[in-house]
Amino acid sequence: MNDIATTMTFHLITTNSPGYESIISIIKSAYARAFQASVDPRPALLLTLTEETRDATDYLACVAFSQGKERPFFSEQYLPAPAEIGLSQALGREVRRDQILEVGSLASRRNGAGMHLVSHTPWFVLGLGYRYGLVTATRQVRHLIRSAGMEFVPLAAATREALPETDQAQWGSYYEHAPLTGVIDFLASFLSVAIHRNALHRVQEMTLSVQELKVS
C-alpha cells in the first residue's frame, strides 16, 4: 500500500503568481461545463483551496476577488445605482465603497470543496480589510452560502439584458439559473459561520460516538 500524505491549504493568488492562469482555466472550464458559457475573468486576486502532496499541487476550488477602485464592479451592471448606495439602502447603514469586495467566479473540482472554500471566505475578506461582499449568485450558489451559515441579502435580479449586447451570448444558460446580485456582511457572517462550523463538528463527534456505541 502506497500512503501519500496530503495537506489541504488556502492560497491567495495574484495575477503575477505562477498558478494564476491554471486557476483561470479551471473557472473557464467550470462555466463551460455548467452553463455552456465562454467567459474569461481576470480578477486581481484569487482565493484557492488546494490539496498538496510532496510532488504536486491540485487546485480543488477557487473564487475571485475584485476591487472597485479603478473600475466598476462587474455586478454593478445589474444595479440601478453604485454598489455602495445599494448596499447602504439594503442594510440600513452607511457603506463606503472601500469596504466592498466583489466575490465571484466560484468554481469547484471536487464534491464538498466549494462549500469548504465558501465557509472560510469571511476570514480572508476581513483579513484583506473589507467588510462587505458584492456577490452575484445563482440559486445553487445561494444555497451554498446559506448552508455555510451566511446571510445573502438580495439587491436585484441579474439579467442578461443588463450586459452589453456583444457580451450576452457568451454566458450560455447562466441566466436560466435565477442569478441574484446581493450583499454578504462578512463581519456579521464571521461569528455565525464560526458557530455553524462548531455545531457541525459537534454533530459529527456525536455521530461518531453513537457509531462507536453501536459497534461496542
C-alpha atoms as a PDB file:
ATOM      1  CA  MET A   1       0.000   0.000   0.000  1.00  0.00           C
ATOM      2  CA  ASN A   2       1.394   3.392  -1.039  1.00  0.00           C
ATOM      3  CA  ASP A   3       0.388   6.043   1.507  1.00  0.00           C
ATOM      4  CA  ILE A   4       0.828   9.625   0.325  1.00  0.00           C
ATOM      5  CA  ALA A   5       0.424  12.404   2.891  1.00  0.00           C
ATOM      6  CA  THR A   6      -1.741  15.263   1.647  1.00  0.00           C
ATOM      7  CA  THR A   7      -2.322  18.744   3.039  1.00  0.00           C
ATOM      8  CA  MET A   8      -5.341  20.979   2.388  1.00  0.00           C
ATOM      9  CA  THR A   9      -4.347  24.640   2.264  1.00  0.00           C
ATOM     10  CA  PHE A  10      -5.670  28.026   1.166  1.00  0.00           C
ATOM     11  CA  HIS A  11      -3.701  30.396  -1.048  1.00  0.00           C
ATOM     12  CA  LEU A  12      -4.205  33.961  -2.244  1.00  0.00           C
ATOM     13  CA  ILE A  13      -3.097  34.135  -5.865  1.00  0.00           C
ATOM     14  CA  THR A  14      -2.278  37.397  -7.675  1.00  0.00           C
ATOM     15  CA  THR A  15      -2.007  37.996 -11.416  1.00  0.00           C
ATOM     16  CA  ASN A  16       1.768  37.522 -11.133  1.00  0.00           C
ATOM     17  CA  SER A  17       1.580  34.203  -9.288  1.00  0.00           C
ATOM     18  CA  PRO A  18       2.714  31.078 -11.199  1.00  0.00           C
ATOM     19  CA  GLY A  19      -0.642  29.311 -10.817  1.00  0.00           C
ATOM     20  CA  TYR A  20      -2.854  32.202 -11.942  1.00  0.00           C
ATOM     21  CA  GLU A  21      -3.517  31.012 -15.489  1.00  0.00           C
ATOM     22  CA  SER A  22      -4.167  27.440 -14.335  1.00  0.00           C
ATOM     23  CA  ILE A  23      -6.845  28.656 -11.935  1.00  0.00           C
ATOM     24  CA  ILE A  24      -8.437  30.872 -14.588  1.00  0.00           C
ATOM     25  CA  SER A  25      -8.627  27.772 -16.805  1.00  0.00           C
ATOM     26  CA  ILE A  26     -10.481  25.930 -14.013  1.00  0.00           C
ATOM     27  CA  ILE A  27     -13.049  28.750 -13.810  1.00  0.00           C
ATOM     28  CA  LYS A  28     -13.492  28.842 -17.583  1.00  0.00           C
ATOM     29  CA  SER A  29     -13.934  25.060 -17.737  1.00  0.00           C
ATOM     30  CA  ALA A  30     -16.433  25.086 -14.855  1.00  0.00           C
ATOM     31  CA  TYR A  31     -18.613  27.731 -16.513  1.00  0.00           C
ATOM     32  CA  ALA A  32     -18.406  25.981 -19.869  1.00  0.00           C
ATOM     33  CA  ARG A  33     -19.464  22.699 -18.282  1.00  0.00           C
ATOM     34  CA  ALA A  34     -22.272  24.131 -16.134  1.00  0.00           C
ATOM     35  CA  PHE A  35     -23.684  26.801 -18.448  1.00  0.00           C
ATOM     36  CA  GLN A  36     -22.088  26.295 -21.869  1.00  0.00           C
ATOM     37  CA  ALA A  37     -20.603  29.729 -21.221  1.00  0.00           C
ATOM     38  CA  SER A  38     -17.427  31.189 -22.678  1.00  0.00           C
ATOM     39  CA  VAL A  39     -16.074  33.582 -20.052  1.00  0.00           C
ATOM     40  CA  ASP A  40     -12.574  34.856 -19.358  1.00  0.00           C
ATOM     41  CA  PRO A  41     -12.459  36.562 -15.943  1.00  0.00           C
ATOM     42  CA  ARG A  42      -9.334  38.479 -14.989  1.00  0.00           C
ATOM     43  CA  PRO A  43      -9.609  39.271 -11.276  1.00  0.00           C
ATOM     44  CA  ALA A  44      -6.745  40.879  -9.413  1.00  0.00           C
ATOM     45  CA  LEU A  45      -6.889  38.229  -6.702  1.00  0.00           C
ATOM     46  CA  LEU A  46      -7.978  34.599  -6.367  1.00  0.00           C
ATOM     47  CA  LEU A  47      -8.550  32.503  -3.268  1.00  0.00           C
ATOM     48  CA  THR A  48      -7.852  28.812  -3.785  1.00  0.00           C
ATOM     49  CA  LEU A  49      -8.286  25.618  -1.829  1.00  0.00           C
ATOM     50  CA  THR A  50      -5.513  23.218  -2.741  1.00  0.00           C
ATOM     51  CA  GLU A  51      -4.504  19.680  -1.959  1.00  0.00           C
ATOM     52  CA  GLU A  52      -0.763  19.375  -1.739  1.00  0.00           C
ATOM     53  CA  THR A  53       1.480  16.348  -1.763  1.00  0.00           C
ATOM     54  CA  ARG A  54       5.242  16.150  -1.817  1.00  0.00           C
ATOM     55  CA  ASP A  55       5.210  16.061  -5.611  1.00  0.00           C
ATOM     56  CA  ALA A  56       2.158  18.035  -6.736  1.00  0.00           C
ATOM     57  CA  THR A  57      -0.399  20.742  -6.018  1.00  0.00           C
ATOM     58  CA  ASP A  58      -4.001  20.184  -7.063  1.00  0.00           C
ATOM     59  CA  TYR A  59      -6.447  23.098  -7.116  1.00  0.00           C
ATOM     60  CA  LEU A  60      -9.774  21.873  -5.707  1.00  0.00           C
ATOM     61  CA  ALA A  61     -11.809  25.099  -5.638  1.00  0.00           C
ATOM     62  CA  CYS A  62     -11.370  28.805  -6.245  1.00  0.00           C
ATOM     63  CA  VAL A  63     -13.167  32.127  -6.002  1.00  0.00           C
ATOM     64  CA  ALA A  64     -12.288  35.550  -7.420  1.00  0.00           C
ATOM     65  CA  PHE A  65     -11.887  38.835  -5.527  1.00  0.00           C
ATOM     66  CA  SER A  66     -12.177  42.211  -7.294  1.00  0.00           C
ATOM     67  CA  GLN A  67     -11.844  45.772  -6.000  1.00  0.00           C
ATOM     68  CA  GLY A  68     -13.952  48.684  -7.209  1.00  0.00           C
ATOM     69  CA  LYS A  69     -11.345  51.427  -7.036  1.00  0.00           C
ATOM     70  CA  GLU A  70     -10.187  51.809 -10.616  1.00  0.00           C
ATOM     71  CA  ARG A  71     -13.203  50.422 -12.467  1.00  0.00           C
ATOM     72  CA  PRO A  72     -16.812  49.455 -11.716  1.00  0.00           C
ATOM     73  CA  PHE A  73     -17.574  46.113 -10.150  1.00  0.00           C
ATOM     74  CA  PHE A  74     -18.827  43.654 -12.777  1.00  0.00           C
ATOM     75  CA  SER A  75     -22.037  43.135 -10.786  1.00  0.00           C
ATOM     76  CA  GLU A  76     -22.818  46.863 -10.819  1.00  0.00           C
ATOM     77  CA  GLN A  77     -24.210  46.311 -14.304  1.00  0.00           C
ATOM     78  CA  TYR A  78     -27.222  44.725 -12.602  1.00  0.00           C
ATOM     79  CA  LEU A  79     -27.760  47.566 -10.116  1.00  0.00           C
ATOM     80  CA  PRO A  80     -29.609  50.876 -10.672  1.00  0.00           C
ATOM     81  CA  ALA A  81     -27.007  52.805  -8.643  1.00  0.00           C
ATOM     82  CA  PRO A  82     -23.386  52.386  -7.498  1.00  0.00           C
ATOM     83  CA  ALA A  83     -22.848  49.425  -5.192  1.00  0.00           C
ATOM     84  CA  GLU A  84     -22.221  51.494  -2.067  1.00  0.00           C
ATOM     85  CA  ILE A  85     -25.622  53.190  -2.470  1.00  0.00           C
ATOM     86  CA  GLY A  86     -27.450  49.900  -2.998  1.00  0.00           C
ATOM     87  CA  LEU A  87     -25.714  48.259  -0.043  1.00  0.00           C
ATOM     88  CA  SER A  88     -26.382  51.248   2.228  1.00  0.00           C
ATOM     89  CA  GLN A  89     -30.089  51.168   1.384  1.00  0.00           C
ATOM     90  CA  ALA A  90     -30.390  47.393   1.781  1.00  0.00           C
ATOM     91  CA  LEU A  91     -28.523  47.244   5.098  1.00  0.00           C
ATOM     92  CA  GLY A  92     -29.849  50.476   6.601  1.00  0.00           C
ATOM     93  CA  ARG A  93     -26.428  51.940   7.344  1.00  0.00           C
ATOM     94  CA  GLU A  94     -23.703  53.778   5.502  1.00  0.00           C
ATOM     95  CA  VAL A  95     -21.433  51.564   3.434  1.00  0.00           C
ATOM     96  CA  ARG A  96     -18.315  53.041   1.855  1.00  0.00           C
ATOM     97  CA  ARG A  97     -17.026  51.793  -1.468  1.00  0.00           C
ATOM     98  CA  ASP A  98     -13.642  50.972   0.031  1.00  0.00           C
ATOM     99  CA  GLN A  99     -15.380  48.489   2.365  1.00  0.00           C
ATOM    100  CA  ILE A 100     -16.702  46.414  -0.563  1.00  0.00           C
ATOM    101  CA  LEU A 101     -15.008  43.495  -2.315  1.00  0.00           C
ATOM    102  CA  GLU A 102     -16.693  41.715  -5.210  1.00  0.00           C
ATOM    103  CA  VAL A 103     -16.664  37.950  -4.722  1.00  0.00           C
ATOM    104  CA  GLY A 104     -17.468  35.719  -7.686  1.00  0.00           C
ATOM    105  CA  SER A 105     -16.426  33.133 -10.269  1.00  0.00           C
ATOM    106  CA  LEU A 106     -16.734  30.272  -7.786  1.00  0.00           C
ATOM    107  CA  ALA A 107     -15.519  27.002  -9.266  1.00  0.00           C
ATOM    108  CA  SER A 108     -15.011  23.580  -7.716  1.00  0.00           C
ATOM    109  CA  ARG A 109     -13.427  20.353  -8.951  1.00  0.00           C
ATOM    110  CA  ARG A 110     -14.388  18.056  -6.087  1.00  0.00           C
ATOM    111  CA  ASN A 111     -17.593  17.444  -4.145  1.00  0.00           C
ATOM    112  CA  GLY A 112     -17.554  19.453  -0.933  1.00  0.00           C
ATOM    113  CA  ALA A 113     -14.595  21.625  -1.922  1.00  0.00           C
ATOM    114  CA  GLY A 114     -16.776  24.582  -2.895  1.00  0.00           C
ATOM    115  CA  MET A 115     -18.572  24.527   0.445  1.00  0.00           C
ATOM    116  CA  HIS A 116     -15.257  24.276   2.298  1.00  0.00           C
ATOM    117  CA  LEU A 117     -13.919  27.306   0.427  1.00  0.00           C
ATOM    118  CA  VAL A 118     -17.098  29.373   0.839  1.00  0.00           C
ATOM    119  CA  SER A 119     -17.242  28.717   4.585  1.00  0.00           C
ATOM    120  CA  HIS A 120     -13.710  30.089   5.028  1.00  0.00           C
ATOM    121  CA  THR A 121     -14.157  33.136   2.788  1.00  0.00           C
ATOM    122  CA  PRO A 122     -15.117  35.570   5.621  1.00  0.00           C
ATOM    123  CA  TRP A 123     -11.695  35.152   7.253  1.00  0.00           C
ATOM    124  CA  PHE A 124      -9.896  36.156   4.061  1.00  0.00           C
ATOM    125  CA  VAL A 125     -12.195  39.035   3.072  1.00  0.00           C
ATOM    126  CA  LEU A 126     -11.906  40.549   6.551  1.00  0.00           C
ATOM    127  CA  GLY A 127      -8.169  39.913   6.575  1.00  0.00           C
ATOM    128  CA  LEU A 128      -7.830  41.904   3.349  1.00  0.00           C
ATOM    129  CA  GLY A 129      -9.517  44.864   5.025  1.00  0.00           C
ATOM    130  CA  TYR A 130     -13.040  44.589   3.585  1.00  0.00           C
ATOM    131  CA  ARG A 131     -16.353  44.028   5.336  1.00  0.00           C
ATOM    132  CA  TYR A 132     -18.915  43.540   2.572  1.00  0.00           C
ATOM    133  CA  GLY A 133     -19.040  41.154  -0.358  1.00  0.00           C
ATOM    134  CA  LEU A 134     -20.863  42.138  -3.537  1.00  0.00           C
ATOM    135  CA  VAL A 135     -21.972  38.795  -4.938  1.00  0.00           C
ATOM    136  CA  THR A 136     -23.949  37.662  -7.967  1.00  0.00           C
ATOM    137  CA  ALA A 137     -25.077  34.139  -7.161  1.00  0.00           C
ATOM    138  CA  THR A 138     -27.172  31.503  -8.893  1.00  0.00           C
ATOM    139  CA  ARG A 139     -29.761  29.516  -6.978  1.00  0.00           C
ATOM    140  CA  GLN A 140     -27.186  26.780  -6.313  1.00  0.00           C
ATOM    141  CA  VAL A 141     -24.544  29.179  -5.012  1.00  0.00           C
ATOM    142  CA  ARG A 142     -27.078  30.909  -2.761  1.00  0.00           C
ATOM    143  CA  HIS A 143     -27.820  27.504  -1.276  1.00  0.00           C
ATOM    144  CA  LEU A 144     -24.087  27.035  -0.588  1.00  0.00           C
ATOM    145  CA  ILE A 145     -23.925  30.444   1.091  1.00  0.00           C
ATOM    146  CA  ARG A 146     -26.892  29.679   3.338  1.00  0.00           C
ATOM    147  CA  SER A 147     -25.564  26.203   4.130  1.00  0.00           C
ATOM    148  CA  ALA A 148     -22.285  27.768   5.248  1.00  0.00           C
ATOM    149  CA  GLY A 149     -24.198  29.894   7.764  1.00  0.00           C
ATOM    150  CA  MET A 150     -24.073  33.230   5.927  1.00  0.00           C
ATOM    151  CA  GLU A 151     -26.900  35.614   5.083  1.00  0.00           C
ATOM    152  CA  PHE A 152     -27.226  36.737   1.461  1.00  0.00           C
ATOM    153  CA  VAL A 153     -29.236  39.974   1.152  1.00  0.00           C
ATOM    154  CA  PRO A 154     -30.588  40.344  -2.411  1.00  0.00           C
ATOM    155  CA  LEU A 155     -30.353  43.705  -4.173  1.00  0.00           C
ATOM    156  CA  ALA A 156     -31.516  42.998  -7.731  1.00  0.00           C
ATOM    157  CA  ALA A 157     -32.125  40.257 -10.262  1.00  0.00           C
ATOM    158  CA  ALA A 158     -29.143  39.710 -12.548  1.00  0.00           C
ATOM    159  CA  THR A 159     -30.403  39.692 -16.126  1.00  0.00           C
ATOM    160  CA  ARG A 160     -28.748  39.035 -19.460  1.00  0.00           C
ATOM    161  CA  GLU A 161     -30.201  42.289 -20.805  1.00  0.00           C
ATOM    162  CA  ALA A 162     -28.125  44.306 -18.324  1.00  0.00           C
ATOM    163  CA  LEU A 163     -24.950  43.288 -20.177  1.00  0.00           C
ATOM    164  CA  PRO A 164     -23.664  44.928 -23.350  1.00  0.00           C
ATOM    165  CA  GLU A 165     -25.332  43.225 -26.301  1.00  0.00           C
ATOM    166  CA  THR A 166     -21.977  41.973 -27.561  1.00  0.00           C
ATOM    167  CA  ASP A 167     -21.398  40.066 -24.289  1.00  0.00           C
ATOM    168  CA  GLN A 168     -24.802  38.463 -23.805  1.00  0.00           C
ATOM    169  CA  ALA A 169     -24.364  35.301 -25.882  1.00  0.00           C
ATOM    170  CA  GLN A 170     -21.123  34.217 -24.185  1.00  0.00           C
ATOM    171  CA  TRP A 171     -22.951  33.470 -20.912  1.00  0.00           C
ATOM    172  CA  GLY A 172     -24.812  30.470 -22.302  1.00  0.00           C
ATOM    173  CA  SER A 173     -27.555  29.255 -19.952  1.00  0.00           C
ATOM    174  CA  TYR A 174     -26.226  31.078 -16.869  1.00  0.00           C
ATOM    175  CA  TYR A 175     -29.218  33.416 -16.631  1.00  0.00           C
ATOM    176  CA  GLU A 176     -31.604  30.474 -16.595  1.00  0.00           C
ATOM    177  CA  HIS A 177     -30.337  29.660 -13.081  1.00  0.00           C
ATOM    178  CA  ALA A 178     -32.032  32.646 -11.393  1.00  0.00           C
ATOM    179  CA  PRO A 179     -28.929  34.694 -10.506  1.00  0.00           C
ATOM    180  CA  LEU A 180     -29.376  37.499  -7.985  1.00  0.00           C
ATOM    181  CA  THR A 181     -26.960  40.272  -7.105  1.00  0.00           C
ATOM    182  CA  GLY A 182     -26.712  40.828  -3.381  1.00  0.00           C
ATOM    183  CA  VAL A 183     -24.510  41.535  -0.405  1.00  0.00           C
ATOM    184  CA  ILE A 184     -22.938  39.473   2.357  1.00  0.00           C
ATOM    185  CA  ASP A 185     -21.850  41.229   5.543  1.00  0.00           C
ATOM    186  CA  PHE A 186     -18.735  39.190   6.246  1.00  0.00           C
ATOM    187  CA  LEU A 187     -18.220  40.743   9.666  1.00  0.00           C
ATOM    188  CA  ALA A 188     -21.645  39.515  10.762  1.00  0.00           C
ATOM    189  CA  SER A 189     -21.017  36.223   8.950  1.00  0.00           C
ATOM    190  CA  PHE A 190     -17.712  35.669  10.726  1.00  0.00           C
ATOM    191  CA  LEU A 191     -19.388  34.781  14.010  1.00  0.00           C
ATOM    192  CA  SER A 192     -22.351  32.930  12.516  1.00  0.00           C
ATOM    193  CA  VAL A 193     -20.092  30.792  10.317  1.00  0.00           C
ATOM    194  CA  ALA A 194     -17.834  30.000  13.273  1.00  0.00           C
ATOM    195  CA  ILE A 195     -20.858  28.935  15.335  1.00  0.00           C
ATOM    196  CA  HIS A 196     -22.224  26.947  12.394  1.00  0.00           C
ATOM    197  CA  ARG A 197     -18.910  25.161  11.808  1.00  0.00           C
ATOM    198  CA  ASN A 198     -18.584  24.366  15.529  1.00  0.00           C
ATOM    199  CA  ALA A 199     -22.123  22.963  15.563  1.00  0.00           C
ATOM    200  CA  LEU A 200     -21.323  20.762  12.562  1.00  0.00           C
ATOM    201  CA  HIS A 201     -18.195  19.434  14.271  1.00  0.00           C
ATOM    202  CA  ARG A 202     -20.206  18.690  17.423  1.00  0.00           C
ATOM    203  CA  VAL A 203     -22.818  16.790  15.392  1.00  0.00           C
ATOM    204  CA  GLN A 204     -20.055  14.835  13.657  1.00  0.00           C
ATOM    205  CA  GLU A 205     -18.465  13.998  17.013  1.00  0.00           C
ATOM    206  CA  MET A 206     -21.843  12.887  18.412  1.00  0.00           C
ATOM    207  CA  THR A 207     -22.462  10.749  15.327  1.00  0.00           C
ATOM    208  CA  LEU A 208     -19.083   9.076  15.719  1.00  0.00           C
ATOM    209  CA  SER A 209     -19.793   8.469  19.417  1.00  0.00           C
ATOM    210  CA  VAL A 210     -23.138   6.855  18.603  1.00  0.00           C
ATOM    211  CA  GLN A 211     -21.500   4.682  15.952  1.00  0.00           C
ATOM    212  CA  GLU A 212     -18.844   3.600  18.452  1.00  0.00           C
ATOM    213  CA  LEU A 213     -21.550   2.703  20.981  1.00  0.00           C
ATOM    214  CA  LYS A 214     -23.358   0.632  18.375  1.00  0.00           C
ATOM    215  CA  VAL A 215     -20.163  -1.203  17.491  1.00  0.00           C
ATOM    216  CA  SER A 216     -19.318  -1.916  21.131  1.00  0.00           C
END
